[in-house]
Each structure stands twice: as C-alpha cells, then as structure tokens.
Amino acid sequence: MTGGTEASERPRWWLFAALALLVAGIAAAAAWSLSDRYYQFGWVPAWALPACWTATLVALGFDAAARPAPRRMWVRATLVSVLASATLLLWGTALVVAMFFDDDSEVVAIEVSPDGRFETAMESLGGIDPSCRVMLRERGAILGRQTLVWERFQGPCPARASFVGDDTIGIAETNGQAYETTTFDGDRMRVTRILPTSVHGR
C-alpha cells in the first residue's frame, strides 16, 4: 500500500513529456501547413506530427508502467486508443505525401534585390521528371513570406532570374534570351503574373 502511495506522489515526468510531445506534434503540423507561404518552415517534414504522437504514446506507456492502475482505467484506454488510431492514420497520410507530393527541392541560385529586401530563389525539384521554380522571398524577416514567380514542369531551370527594376523580376530561360518580366507587390507579397506566360497564361 505504501509503495503504491509513494508511486502516486512522484512527479509524473513521463506524463509531462507526453503532453509536451503532443503539443509539439500539433505545432509541427501547423508549421508544415504554412511552409508554402513561409519558407523558414520548409525544413519541417510531413511525418513530424505522427512521429511526435508516436513518441507521445511511448511516453504514456512508460507513465502507465510507473504508476498503479487508475480507478477509471477505461478512460485512459479510450484516450490512448483514439490517439493511436489517429497516429496510424497520420502515418499513412504522411507516407502518401512523401511519395507523391514531396518535391525534394534544392536551391541552386539566389539573387538579391538592389534594396536588399527581397531575393529570388531558384529551386530545382527532384523526382521522376525533374522540374524547376523561382520563388520571390522576403529577407531579414522572422517569418519571411514567399510567392511563386516562375515554374516549369519537366524542364530545366532558367539561365537567370534577376531584379530588373524596383518591383520587377526578369526571367531568361536561356543565355542571350530577352527577359520575360513580371511585377510584384512587396507589401502583399504577390506577383502580377506567374511566368512563363506560355505555360501559365497572361
């Protein structure tokens, strides 16, 4: 009886760890969902949420093993079952995203605007049919926004992406080719049109 009382009075470190991992998983999911708009979150993988929740289940298991069974055992069992089912579903979703939607991008060139506030990032996209895109990004911001400027599927990256004016970006697909241009609104972080117009229209 004394041993059970002592165990119940100990700090529940495993439970605290489980709660922290649960919150971390939710935060990771939120960051991943915002990664298209805020490029600092681009490093967060799709499997971060199920990984955190798997660790949550492990921590709950250690907490249960370290303490006597509660009177309402069914409540704990129900909560763990729901969390485990959600985690399995999320693992399946994360695998599908990783297989079919993860672009495996790599920045191959960066050009900074004359005022230093923005940059163009040329990203090579891996996969069965390599593609490329150019993103306009904010510089020096805690949560820097980005927006698509140029994109071509199943094709190489352009020869150059440059700032040809205060609010104008020029894309030359080959050396010696004239720039195709688009303007942008730096406050709203939007471009007037996505290039090339032969693919995306005017």
N, C-alpha and C. Protein backbone atom coordinates (compact mmCIF):
# COMPACT_ATOMS: atom_id res chain seq x y z
N MET A 1 0.84 -1.20 0.00
CA MET A 1 0.00 0.00 0.00
C MET A 1 0.87 1.25 0.00
N THR A 2 1.97 1.17 0.86
CA THR A 2 2.87 2.32 0.94
C THR A 2 3.56 2.56 -0.38
N GLY A 3 3.97 1.44 -1.06
CA GLY A 3 4.65 1.58 -2.35
C GLY A 3 3.76 2.24 -3.38
N GLY A 4 2.47 1.86 -3.38
CA GLY A 4 1.54 2.47 -4.33
C GLY A 4 1.34 3.93 -4.04
N THR A 5 1.29 4.31 -2.75
CA THR A 5 1.12 5.71 -2.38
C THR A 5 2.33 6.53 -2.79
N GLU A 6 3.55 5.98 -2.58
CA GLU A 6 4.77 6.68 -2.96
C GLU A 6 4.83 6.89 -4.46
N ALA A 7 4.41 5.85 -5.20
CA ALA A 7 4.45 5.96 -6.67
C ALA A 7 3.49 7.03 -7.16
N SER A 8 2.33 7.14 -6.50
CA SER A 8 1.35 8.13 -6.94
C SER A 8 1.77 9.55 -6.60
N GLU A 9 2.71 9.70 -5.64
CA GLU A 9 3.15 11.03 -5.24
C GLU A 9 4.37 11.50 -6.01
N ARG A 10 5.00 10.64 -6.79
CA ARG A 10 6.17 11.02 -7.57
C ARG A 10 5.75 11.94 -8.72
N PRO A 11 6.66 12.85 -9.10
CA PRO A 11 6.35 13.71 -10.27
C PRO A 11 6.13 12.85 -11.52
N ARG A 12 5.14 13.18 -12.28
CA ARG A 12 4.80 12.37 -13.45
C ARG A 12 5.54 12.92 -14.68
N TRP A 13 6.86 12.66 -14.68
CA TRP A 13 7.69 13.19 -15.75
C TRP A 13 7.29 12.63 -17.12
N TRP A 14 6.95 11.35 -17.17
CA TRP A 14 6.56 10.76 -18.46
C TRP A 14 5.27 11.37 -18.98
N LEU A 15 4.36 11.69 -18.06
CA LEU A 15 3.11 12.34 -18.48
C LEU A 15 3.39 13.74 -19.00
N PHE A 16 4.28 14.47 -18.32
CA PHE A 16 4.66 15.80 -18.79
C PHE A 16 5.30 15.72 -20.18
N ALA A 17 6.16 14.70 -20.35
CA ALA A 17 6.81 14.52 -21.64
C ALA A 17 5.78 14.21 -22.73
N ALA A 18 4.79 13.38 -22.39
CA ALA A 18 3.75 13.04 -23.36
C ALA A 18 2.96 14.27 -23.78
N LEU A 19 2.62 15.12 -22.82
CA LEU A 19 1.88 16.35 -23.14
C LEU A 19 2.71 17.29 -24.01
N ALA A 20 4.01 17.39 -23.69
CA ALA A 20 4.89 18.25 -24.49
C ALA A 20 5.01 17.73 -25.92
N LEU A 21 5.12 16.43 -26.08
CA LEU A 21 5.23 15.84 -27.42
C LEU A 21 3.93 15.99 -28.19
N LEU A 22 2.81 15.90 -27.48
CA LEU A 22 1.51 16.08 -28.13
C LEU A 22 1.39 17.50 -28.71
N VAL A 23 1.78 18.49 -27.91
CA VAL A 23 1.74 19.88 -28.35
C VAL A 23 2.75 20.12 -29.46
N ALA A 24 3.94 19.51 -29.32
CA ALA A 24 4.97 19.67 -30.36
C ALA A 24 4.49 19.13 -31.70
N GLY A 25 3.75 18.02 -31.68
CA GLY A 25 3.21 17.47 -32.91
C GLY A 25 2.22 18.41 -33.57
N ILE A 26 1.36 19.02 -32.76
CA ILE A 26 0.38 19.97 -33.31
C ILE A 26 1.09 21.19 -33.89
N ALA A 27 2.12 21.67 -33.19
CA ALA A 27 2.88 22.82 -33.68
C ALA A 27 3.60 22.48 -34.99
N ALA A 28 4.15 21.25 -35.07
CA ALA A 28 4.83 20.83 -36.29
C ALA A 28 3.87 20.75 -37.47
N ALA A 29 2.66 20.26 -37.21
CA ALA A 29 1.65 20.18 -38.28
C ALA A 29 1.28 21.58 -38.77
N ALA A 30 1.14 22.53 -37.83
CA ALA A 30 0.81 23.90 -38.21
C ALA A 30 1.94 24.52 -39.04
N ALA A 31 3.19 24.27 -38.62
CA ALA A 31 4.33 24.81 -39.36
C ALA A 31 4.41 24.21 -40.76
N TRP A 32 4.18 22.91 -40.87
CA TRP A 32 4.23 22.25 -42.19
C TRP A 32 3.15 22.80 -43.12
N SER A 33 1.97 23.05 -42.58
CA SER A 33 0.87 23.56 -43.40
C SER A 33 1.13 24.98 -43.90
N LEU A 34 2.00 25.72 -43.20
CA LEU A 34 2.32 27.10 -43.57
C LEU A 34 3.61 27.21 -44.38
N SER A 35 4.26 26.08 -44.66
CA SER A 35 5.58 26.13 -45.28
C SER A 35 5.55 26.65 -46.71
N ASP A 36 4.42 26.52 -47.41
CA ASP A 36 4.33 27.06 -48.77
C ASP A 36 4.40 28.58 -48.77
N ARG A 37 3.89 29.20 -47.71
CA ARG A 37 3.87 30.65 -47.61
C ARG A 37 5.09 31.19 -46.87
N TYR A 38 5.52 30.51 -45.82
CA TYR A 38 6.65 30.96 -45.00
C TYR A 38 7.80 29.95 -45.17
N TYR A 39 8.82 30.34 -45.92
CA TYR A 39 9.84 29.37 -46.32
C TYR A 39 10.73 28.89 -45.17
N GLN A 40 10.75 29.60 -44.03
CA GLN A 40 11.53 29.10 -42.89
C GLN A 40 11.00 27.78 -42.36
N PHE A 41 9.73 27.48 -42.65
CA PHE A 41 9.15 26.22 -42.19
C PHE A 41 9.36 25.08 -43.18
N GLY A 42 10.11 25.34 -44.24
CA GLY A 42 10.28 24.32 -45.27
C GLY A 42 11.01 23.08 -44.79
N TRP A 43 11.75 23.17 -43.69
CA TRP A 43 12.51 22.02 -43.19
C TRP A 43 11.63 21.04 -42.43
N VAL A 44 10.41 21.44 -42.05
CA VAL A 44 9.54 20.57 -41.25
C VAL A 44 8.97 19.47 -42.16
N PRO A 45 9.24 18.19 -41.87
CA PRO A 45 8.75 17.11 -42.73
C PRO A 45 7.28 16.79 -42.47
N ALA A 46 6.66 16.14 -43.42
CA ALA A 46 5.24 15.78 -43.29
C ALA A 46 5.02 14.77 -42.17
N TRP A 47 6.08 14.00 -41.84
CA TRP A 47 5.91 12.96 -40.82
C TRP A 47 6.20 13.47 -39.40
N ALA A 48 6.40 14.77 -39.23
CA ALA A 48 6.72 15.30 -37.90
C ALA A 48 5.59 15.05 -36.91
N LEU A 49 4.33 15.29 -37.34
CA LEU A 49 3.19 15.10 -36.44
C LEU A 49 3.04 13.64 -36.01
N PRO A 50 2.96 12.66 -36.92
CA PRO A 50 2.84 11.29 -36.44
C PRO A 50 4.05 10.81 -35.64
N ALA A 51 5.24 11.33 -35.95
CA ALA A 51 6.42 10.94 -35.17
C ALA A 51 6.31 11.43 -33.73
N CYS A 52 5.86 12.67 -33.56
CA CYS A 52 5.69 13.22 -32.21
C CYS A 52 4.61 12.46 -31.45
N TRP A 53 3.53 12.12 -32.14
CA TRP A 53 2.45 11.42 -31.45
C TRP A 53 2.80 9.96 -31.17
N THR A 54 3.65 9.36 -31.99
CA THR A 54 4.15 8.02 -31.66
C THR A 54 4.98 8.08 -30.39
N ALA A 55 5.84 9.10 -30.29
CA ALA A 55 6.63 9.28 -29.06
C ALA A 55 5.72 9.58 -27.87
N THR A 56 4.60 10.27 -28.11
CA THR A 56 3.63 10.53 -27.04
C THR A 56 3.07 9.23 -26.49
N LEU A 57 2.73 8.30 -27.39
CA LEU A 57 2.20 7.00 -26.96
C LEU A 57 3.23 6.22 -26.15
N VAL A 58 4.49 6.29 -26.57
CA VAL A 58 5.56 5.61 -25.82
C VAL A 58 5.68 6.21 -24.43
N ALA A 59 5.65 7.53 -24.34
CA ALA A 59 5.76 8.20 -23.04
C ALA A 59 4.57 7.84 -22.14
N LEU A 60 3.38 7.76 -22.72
CA LEU A 60 2.21 7.36 -21.94
C LEU A 60 2.34 5.93 -21.44
N GLY A 61 2.95 5.08 -22.26
CA GLY A 61 3.18 3.70 -21.84
C GLY A 61 4.11 3.62 -20.64
N PHE A 62 5.20 4.41 -20.66
CA PHE A 62 6.12 4.44 -19.53
C PHE A 62 5.45 5.02 -18.29
N ASP A 63 4.61 6.03 -18.48
CA ASP A 63 3.89 6.62 -17.35
C ASP A 63 2.95 5.60 -16.72
N ALA A 64 2.25 4.83 -17.56
CA ALA A 64 1.33 3.81 -17.05
C ALA A 64 2.08 2.71 -16.31
N ALA A 65 3.27 2.34 -16.81
CA ALA A 65 4.04 1.27 -16.17
C ALA A 65 4.62 1.71 -14.82
N ALA A 66 4.81 3.00 -14.66
CA ALA A 66 5.44 3.50 -13.43
C ALA A 66 4.45 3.79 -12.32
N ARG A 67 3.15 3.65 -12.60
CA ARG A 67 2.15 4.02 -11.61
C ARG A 67 1.09 2.93 -11.50
N PRO A 68 0.41 2.86 -10.36
CA PRO A 68 -0.68 1.89 -10.23
C PRO A 68 -1.83 2.23 -11.17
N ALA A 69 -2.57 1.23 -11.56
CA ALA A 69 -3.70 1.44 -12.48
C ALA A 69 -4.73 2.35 -11.85
N PRO A 70 -5.22 3.36 -12.58
CA PRO A 70 -6.23 4.26 -12.03
C PRO A 70 -7.58 3.56 -11.92
N ARG A 71 -8.46 4.15 -11.13
CA ARG A 71 -9.79 3.56 -10.98
C ARG A 71 -10.56 3.57 -12.29
N ARG A 72 -10.45 4.65 -13.01
CA ARG A 72 -11.14 4.74 -14.29
C ARG A 72 -10.18 4.38 -15.42
N MET A 73 -9.78 3.14 -15.44
CA MET A 73 -8.83 2.67 -16.44
C MET A 73 -9.39 2.81 -17.85
N TRP A 74 -10.68 2.69 -18.00
CA TRP A 74 -11.28 2.74 -19.32
C TRP A 74 -11.12 4.11 -19.98
N VAL A 75 -11.06 5.15 -19.15
CA VAL A 75 -10.88 6.49 -19.70
C VAL A 75 -9.51 6.61 -20.36
N ARG A 76 -8.47 6.15 -19.63
CA ARG A 76 -7.13 6.19 -20.20
C ARG A 76 -7.04 5.31 -21.45
N ALA A 77 -7.63 4.12 -21.37
CA ALA A 77 -7.57 3.19 -22.51
C ALA A 77 -8.26 3.79 -23.74
N THR A 78 -9.39 4.47 -23.51
CA THR A 78 -10.11 5.08 -24.63
C THR A 78 -9.30 6.19 -25.27
N LEU A 79 -8.70 7.05 -24.44
CA LEU A 79 -7.91 8.16 -24.96
C LEU A 79 -6.69 7.66 -25.74
N VAL A 80 -6.03 6.65 -25.19
CA VAL A 80 -4.86 6.09 -25.87
C VAL A 80 -5.26 5.43 -27.18
N SER A 81 -6.39 4.74 -27.19
CA SER A 81 -6.86 4.09 -28.42
C SER A 81 -7.17 5.11 -29.50
N VAL A 82 -7.83 6.20 -29.12
CA VAL A 82 -8.14 7.26 -30.09
C VAL A 82 -6.86 7.87 -30.64
N LEU A 83 -5.90 8.16 -29.75
CA LEU A 83 -4.63 8.75 -30.18
C LEU A 83 -3.87 7.79 -31.09
N ALA A 84 -3.87 6.50 -30.73
CA ALA A 84 -3.16 5.51 -31.55
C ALA A 84 -3.79 5.39 -32.93
N SER A 85 -5.12 5.39 -33.00
CA SER A 85 -5.80 5.31 -34.29
C SER A 85 -5.49 6.53 -35.15
N ALA A 86 -5.52 7.72 -34.53
CA ALA A 86 -5.21 8.94 -35.27
C ALA A 86 -3.76 8.93 -35.76
N THR A 87 -2.86 8.41 -34.93
CA THR A 87 -1.45 8.36 -35.30
C THR A 87 -1.22 7.43 -36.49
N LEU A 88 -1.87 6.28 -36.49
CA LEU A 88 -1.75 5.35 -37.62
C LEU A 88 -2.27 5.99 -38.91
N LEU A 89 -3.39 6.68 -38.81
CA LEU A 89 -3.95 7.36 -39.97
C LEU A 89 -3.00 8.44 -40.48
N LEU A 90 -2.39 9.18 -39.55
CA LEU A 90 -1.46 10.24 -39.94
C LEU A 90 -0.20 9.68 -40.58
N TRP A 91 0.27 8.52 -40.09
CA TRP A 91 1.44 7.89 -40.71
C TRP A 91 1.14 7.53 -42.15
N GLY A 92 -0.06 6.99 -42.39
CA GLY A 92 -0.45 6.66 -43.76
C GLY A 92 -0.50 7.89 -44.65
N THR A 93 -1.08 8.97 -44.12
CA THR A 93 -1.16 10.22 -44.88
C THR A 93 0.23 10.78 -45.16
N ALA A 94 1.11 10.72 -44.15
CA ALA A 94 2.47 11.26 -44.33
C ALA A 94 3.25 10.47 -45.38
N LEU A 95 3.06 9.16 -45.43
CA LEU A 95 3.74 8.34 -46.44
C LEU A 95 3.25 8.69 -47.84
N VAL A 96 1.95 8.91 -47.98
CA VAL A 96 1.40 9.29 -49.29
C VAL A 96 1.96 10.64 -49.72
N VAL A 97 2.00 11.60 -48.80
CA VAL A 97 2.54 12.92 -49.11
C VAL A 97 4.01 12.82 -49.51
N ALA A 98 4.79 12.02 -48.76
CA ALA A 98 6.21 11.88 -49.05
C ALA A 98 6.45 11.23 -50.41
N MET A 99 5.59 10.28 -50.79
CA MET A 99 5.77 9.56 -52.05
C MET A 99 5.33 10.36 -53.27
N PHE A 100 4.25 11.13 -53.14
CA PHE A 100 3.66 11.75 -54.32
C PHE A 100 3.70 13.28 -54.34
N PHE A 101 3.89 13.92 -53.19
CA PHE A 101 3.80 15.38 -53.15
C PHE A 101 5.06 16.07 -52.65
N ASP A 102 6.03 15.33 -52.11
CA ASP A 102 7.26 15.94 -51.64
C ASP A 102 8.13 16.27 -52.85
N ASP A 103 8.41 17.57 -53.07
CA ASP A 103 9.14 17.97 -54.27
C ASP A 103 10.65 17.84 -54.15
N ASP A 104 11.16 17.57 -52.94
CA ASP A 104 12.60 17.38 -52.75
C ASP A 104 13.38 18.52 -53.42
N SER A 105 13.06 19.75 -53.05
CA SER A 105 13.65 20.91 -53.71
C SER A 105 15.04 21.23 -53.19
N GLU A 106 15.84 21.84 -54.08
CA GLU A 106 17.19 22.28 -53.74
C GLU A 106 17.42 23.64 -54.37
N VAL A 107 17.82 24.61 -53.55
CA VAL A 107 18.10 25.95 -54.06
C VAL A 107 19.42 25.93 -54.80
N VAL A 108 19.38 26.32 -56.08
CA VAL A 108 20.59 26.29 -56.92
C VAL A 108 21.12 27.68 -57.23
N ALA A 109 20.32 28.72 -57.02
CA ALA A 109 20.79 30.09 -57.28
C ALA A 109 19.93 31.08 -56.52
N ILE A 110 20.56 32.12 -56.00
CA ILE A 110 19.87 33.18 -55.27
C ILE A 110 20.37 34.52 -55.79
N GLU A 111 19.45 35.44 -56.03
CA GLU A 111 19.81 36.81 -56.43
C GLU A 111 19.07 37.78 -55.52
N VAL A 112 19.79 38.75 -54.98
CA VAL A 112 19.23 39.70 -54.02
C VAL A 112 18.83 40.98 -54.75
N SER A 113 17.71 41.55 -54.32
CA SER A 113 17.22 42.80 -54.93
C SER A 113 18.16 43.95 -54.57
N PRO A 114 18.16 45.02 -55.36
CA PRO A 114 19.05 46.15 -55.10
C PRO A 114 18.90 46.74 -53.70
N ASP A 115 17.68 46.77 -53.16
CA ASP A 115 17.48 47.34 -51.82
C ASP A 115 17.69 46.32 -50.71
N GLY A 116 17.97 45.07 -51.06
CA GLY A 116 18.26 44.04 -50.06
C GLY A 116 17.06 43.48 -49.34
N ARG A 117 15.86 43.89 -49.72
CA ARG A 117 14.65 43.44 -49.01
C ARG A 117 14.15 42.09 -49.52
N PHE A 118 14.46 41.76 -50.77
CA PHE A 118 13.92 40.55 -51.36
C PHE A 118 15.02 39.76 -52.05
N GLU A 119 14.68 38.54 -52.41
CA GLU A 119 15.59 37.70 -53.18
C GLU A 119 14.79 36.75 -54.05
N THR A 120 15.38 36.34 -55.15
CA THR A 120 14.80 35.27 -55.94
C THR A 120 15.58 34.00 -55.63
N ALA A 121 14.86 32.93 -55.38
CA ALA A 121 15.48 31.64 -55.09
C ALA A 121 15.07 30.66 -56.17
N MET A 122 16.05 30.19 -56.94
CA MET A 122 15.80 29.22 -58.00
C MET A 122 15.93 27.83 -57.39
N GLU A 123 14.85 27.04 -57.47
CA GLU A 123 14.81 25.74 -56.83
C GLU A 123 14.66 24.63 -57.88
N SER A 124 15.59 23.70 -57.84
CA SER A 124 15.50 22.51 -58.69
C SER A 124 14.69 21.46 -57.94
N LEU A 125 13.68 20.91 -58.60
CA LEU A 125 12.78 19.94 -57.96
C LEU A 125 13.11 18.55 -58.47
N GLY A 126 13.42 17.64 -57.53
CA GLY A 126 13.75 16.28 -57.90
C GLY A 126 12.51 15.47 -58.22
N GLY A 127 12.75 14.19 -58.53
CA GLY A 127 11.64 13.30 -58.85
C GLY A 127 11.87 12.58 -60.16
N ILE A 128 10.85 11.89 -60.62
CA ILE A 128 10.96 11.15 -61.87
C ILE A 128 11.18 12.11 -63.03
N ASP A 129 10.45 13.24 -63.04
CA ASP A 129 10.59 14.26 -64.08
C ASP A 129 11.05 15.54 -63.42
N PRO A 130 12.37 15.79 -63.39
CA PRO A 130 12.89 16.99 -62.72
C PRO A 130 12.25 18.26 -63.28
N SER A 131 11.95 19.19 -62.37
CA SER A 131 11.32 20.45 -62.73
C SER A 131 12.05 21.57 -62.02
N CYS A 132 11.54 22.79 -62.18
CA CYS A 132 12.20 23.94 -61.57
C CYS A 132 11.17 25.03 -61.29
N ARG A 133 11.47 25.86 -60.29
CA ARG A 133 10.64 27.01 -59.99
C ARG A 133 11.50 28.12 -59.43
N VAL A 134 11.00 29.34 -59.54
CA VAL A 134 11.66 30.51 -58.97
C VAL A 134 10.69 31.15 -58.00
N MET A 135 11.16 31.35 -56.77
CA MET A 135 10.34 31.94 -55.72
C MET A 135 10.86 33.33 -55.38
N LEU A 136 9.95 34.25 -55.10
CA LEU A 136 10.29 35.56 -54.55
C LEU A 136 10.16 35.47 -53.03
N ARG A 137 11.22 35.86 -52.33
CA ARG A 137 11.23 35.73 -50.87
C ARG A 137 11.58 37.04 -50.20
N GLU A 138 11.02 37.22 -49.00
CA GLU A 138 11.43 38.32 -48.13
C GLU A 138 12.73 37.96 -47.44
N ARG A 139 13.56 38.96 -47.21
CA ARG A 139 14.81 38.75 -46.49
C ARG A 139 14.78 39.50 -45.17
N GLY A 140 15.41 38.91 -44.15
CA GLY A 140 15.54 39.59 -42.87
C GLY A 140 14.32 39.56 -41.99
N ALA A 141 13.28 38.82 -42.38
CA ALA A 141 12.07 38.74 -41.57
C ALA A 141 12.09 37.47 -40.73
N ILE A 142 11.50 37.54 -39.54
CA ILE A 142 11.44 36.35 -38.68
C ILE A 142 10.64 35.26 -39.37
N LEU A 143 9.51 35.64 -39.96
CA LEU A 143 8.71 34.72 -40.76
C LEU A 143 8.64 35.28 -42.17
N GLY A 144 9.65 34.99 -42.96
CA GLY A 144 9.72 35.52 -44.31
C GLY A 144 8.71 34.85 -45.24
N ARG A 145 7.94 35.67 -45.94
CA ARG A 145 6.96 35.13 -46.88
C ARG A 145 7.62 34.84 -48.22
N GLN A 146 6.95 34.03 -49.01
CA GLN A 146 7.43 33.75 -50.35
C GLN A 146 6.23 33.57 -51.28
N THR A 147 6.48 33.75 -52.55
CA THR A 147 5.43 33.54 -53.55
C THR A 147 6.07 33.06 -54.84
N LEU A 148 5.30 32.32 -55.62
CA LEU A 148 5.81 31.73 -56.86
C LEU A 148 5.91 32.79 -57.95
N VAL A 149 7.06 32.79 -58.65
CA VAL A 149 7.28 33.71 -59.76
C VAL A 149 7.29 32.97 -61.10
N TRP A 150 8.00 31.86 -61.14
CA TRP A 150 8.18 31.12 -62.40
C TRP A 150 8.20 29.63 -62.07
N GLU A 151 7.59 28.83 -62.94
CA GLU A 151 7.57 27.39 -62.71
C GLU A 151 7.43 26.66 -64.04
N ARG A 152 8.23 25.62 -64.20
CA ARG A 152 8.11 24.76 -65.38
C ARG A 152 8.28 23.30 -64.95
N PHE A 153 7.32 22.48 -65.35
CA PHE A 153 7.39 21.06 -65.04
C PHE A 153 8.13 20.32 -66.16
N GLN A 154 8.88 19.33 -65.76
CA GLN A 154 9.62 18.50 -66.71
C GLN A 154 10.51 19.36 -67.61
N GLY A 155 11.27 20.21 -66.98
CA GLY A 155 12.16 21.08 -67.74
C GLY A 155 13.27 21.63 -66.87
N PRO A 156 14.32 22.17 -67.47
CA PRO A 156 15.45 22.70 -66.69
C PRO A 156 15.14 24.06 -66.08
N CYS A 157 16.01 24.49 -65.22
CA CYS A 157 15.88 25.82 -64.62
C CYS A 157 16.27 26.88 -65.65
N PRO A 158 15.76 28.09 -65.49
CA PRO A 158 16.15 29.17 -66.41
C PRO A 158 17.62 29.54 -66.22
N ALA A 159 18.14 30.23 -67.23
CA ALA A 159 19.54 30.64 -67.15
C ALA A 159 19.76 31.67 -66.06
N ARG A 160 18.75 32.56 -65.86
CA ARG A 160 18.92 33.59 -64.85
C ARG A 160 17.58 34.15 -64.41
N ALA A 161 17.51 34.52 -63.14
CA ALA A 161 16.37 35.23 -62.57
C ALA A 161 16.93 36.47 -61.88
N SER A 162 16.54 37.64 -62.33
CA SER A 162 17.14 38.88 -61.85
C SER A 162 16.08 39.93 -61.55
N PHE A 163 16.46 40.89 -60.70
CA PHE A 163 15.64 42.07 -60.46
C PHE A 163 16.05 43.11 -61.51
N VAL A 164 15.10 43.48 -62.37
CA VAL A 164 15.40 44.44 -63.43
C VAL A 164 14.73 45.78 -63.16
N GLY A 165 14.24 45.97 -61.97
CA GLY A 165 13.61 47.21 -61.54
C GLY A 165 13.28 47.10 -60.07
N ASP A 166 12.79 48.19 -59.48
CA ASP A 166 12.46 48.17 -58.05
C ASP A 166 11.41 47.12 -57.70
N ASP A 167 10.47 46.92 -58.60
CA ASP A 167 9.40 45.96 -58.34
C ASP A 167 9.19 45.03 -59.53
N THR A 168 10.26 44.74 -60.27
CA THR A 168 10.16 43.92 -61.47
C THR A 168 11.21 42.81 -61.46
N ILE A 169 10.77 41.62 -61.81
CA ILE A 169 11.66 40.46 -61.90
C ILE A 169 11.69 40.00 -63.34
N GLY A 170 12.89 39.72 -63.84
CA GLY A 170 13.06 39.22 -65.20
C GLY A 170 13.60 37.80 -65.19
N ILE A 171 13.04 36.95 -66.04
CA ILE A 171 13.48 35.57 -66.17
C ILE A 171 13.96 35.34 -67.59
N ALA A 172 15.19 34.87 -67.73
CA ALA A 172 15.74 34.48 -69.04
C ALA A 172 15.95 32.98 -69.02
N GLU A 173 15.21 32.27 -69.86
CA GLU A 173 15.28 30.81 -69.83
C GLU A 173 16.57 30.27 -70.43
N THR A 174 17.16 31.00 -71.38
CA THR A 174 18.44 30.60 -71.97
C THR A 174 19.36 31.81 -72.03
N ASN A 175 20.65 31.57 -72.12
CA ASN A 175 21.61 32.66 -72.23
C ASN A 175 21.38 33.43 -73.54
N GLY A 176 21.36 34.75 -73.43
CA GLY A 176 21.15 35.58 -74.60
C GLY A 176 19.70 35.87 -74.90
N GLN A 177 18.79 35.20 -74.21
CA GLN A 177 17.37 35.44 -74.44
C GLN A 177 16.93 36.68 -73.69
N ALA A 178 15.98 37.43 -74.27
CA ALA A 178 15.44 38.61 -73.60
C ALA A 178 14.65 38.18 -72.36
N TYR A 179 14.65 39.06 -71.36
CA TYR A 179 13.92 38.76 -70.13
C TYR A 179 12.42 38.77 -70.38
N GLU A 180 11.72 37.79 -69.78
CA GLU A 180 10.28 37.87 -69.63
C GLU A 180 10.04 38.38 -68.23
N THR A 181 9.24 39.41 -68.07
CA THR A 181 9.16 40.10 -66.79
C THR A 181 7.77 40.01 -66.15
N THR A 182 7.78 40.20 -64.86
CA THR A 182 6.55 40.34 -64.08
C THR A 182 6.84 41.30 -62.94
N THR A 183 5.85 42.05 -62.53
CA THR A 183 6.00 42.95 -61.39
C THR A 183 5.44 42.30 -60.13
N PHE A 184 5.82 42.86 -58.99
CA PHE A 184 5.35 42.30 -57.72
C PHE A 184 5.03 43.40 -56.72
N ASP A 185 4.15 43.05 -55.79
CA ASP A 185 3.78 43.93 -54.68
C ASP A 185 4.48 43.39 -53.43
N GLY A 186 5.49 44.12 -52.98
CA GLY A 186 6.27 43.64 -51.85
C GLY A 186 5.51 43.61 -50.54
N ASP A 187 4.54 44.50 -50.36
CA ASP A 187 3.76 44.52 -49.12
C ASP A 187 2.82 43.32 -49.04
N ARG A 188 2.15 43.02 -50.14
CA ARG A 188 1.23 41.88 -50.17
C ARG A 188 1.93 40.59 -50.54
N MET A 189 3.16 40.69 -51.02
CA MET A 189 3.95 39.55 -51.47
C MET A 189 3.19 38.76 -52.53
N ARG A 190 2.87 39.45 -53.61
CA ARG A 190 2.15 38.86 -54.73
C ARG A 190 2.79 39.33 -56.03
N VAL A 191 2.79 38.47 -57.04
CA VAL A 191 3.27 38.87 -58.36
C VAL A 191 2.06 39.12 -59.26
N THR A 192 2.26 39.99 -60.26
CA THR A 192 1.17 40.31 -61.18
C THR A 192 0.78 39.10 -62.02
N ARG A 193 1.77 38.33 -62.45
CA ARG A 193 1.51 37.13 -63.22
C ARG A 193 2.63 36.14 -62.97
N ILE A 194 2.30 34.86 -63.07
CA ILE A 194 3.29 33.80 -62.90
C ILE A 194 3.86 33.46 -64.26
N LEU A 195 5.17 33.34 -64.33
CA LEU A 195 5.86 33.02 -65.57
C LEU A 195 6.20 31.53 -65.63
N PRO A 196 6.49 31.03 -66.86
CA PRO A 196 6.36 31.69 -68.17
C PRO A 196 4.90 31.77 -68.59
N THR A 197 4.58 32.84 -69.31
CA THR A 197 3.19 33.03 -69.72
C THR A 197 2.77 31.98 -70.74
N SER A 198 3.73 31.36 -71.42
CA SER A 198 3.38 30.31 -72.38
C SER A 198 2.78 29.08 -71.68
N VAL A 199 3.09 28.95 -70.39
CA VAL A 199 2.58 27.83 -69.60
C VAL A 199 1.41 28.26 -68.72
N HIS A 200 1.56 29.39 -68.04
CA HIS A 200 0.58 29.82 -67.04
C HIS A 200 -0.41 30.86 -67.57
N GLY A 201 -0.23 31.32 -68.80
CA GLY A 201 -1.15 32.30 -69.35
C GLY A 201 -0.80 33.70 -68.91
N ARG A 202 -1.53 34.66 -69.44
CA ARG A 202 -1.25 36.06 -69.11
C ARG A 202 -2.12 36.52 -67.94
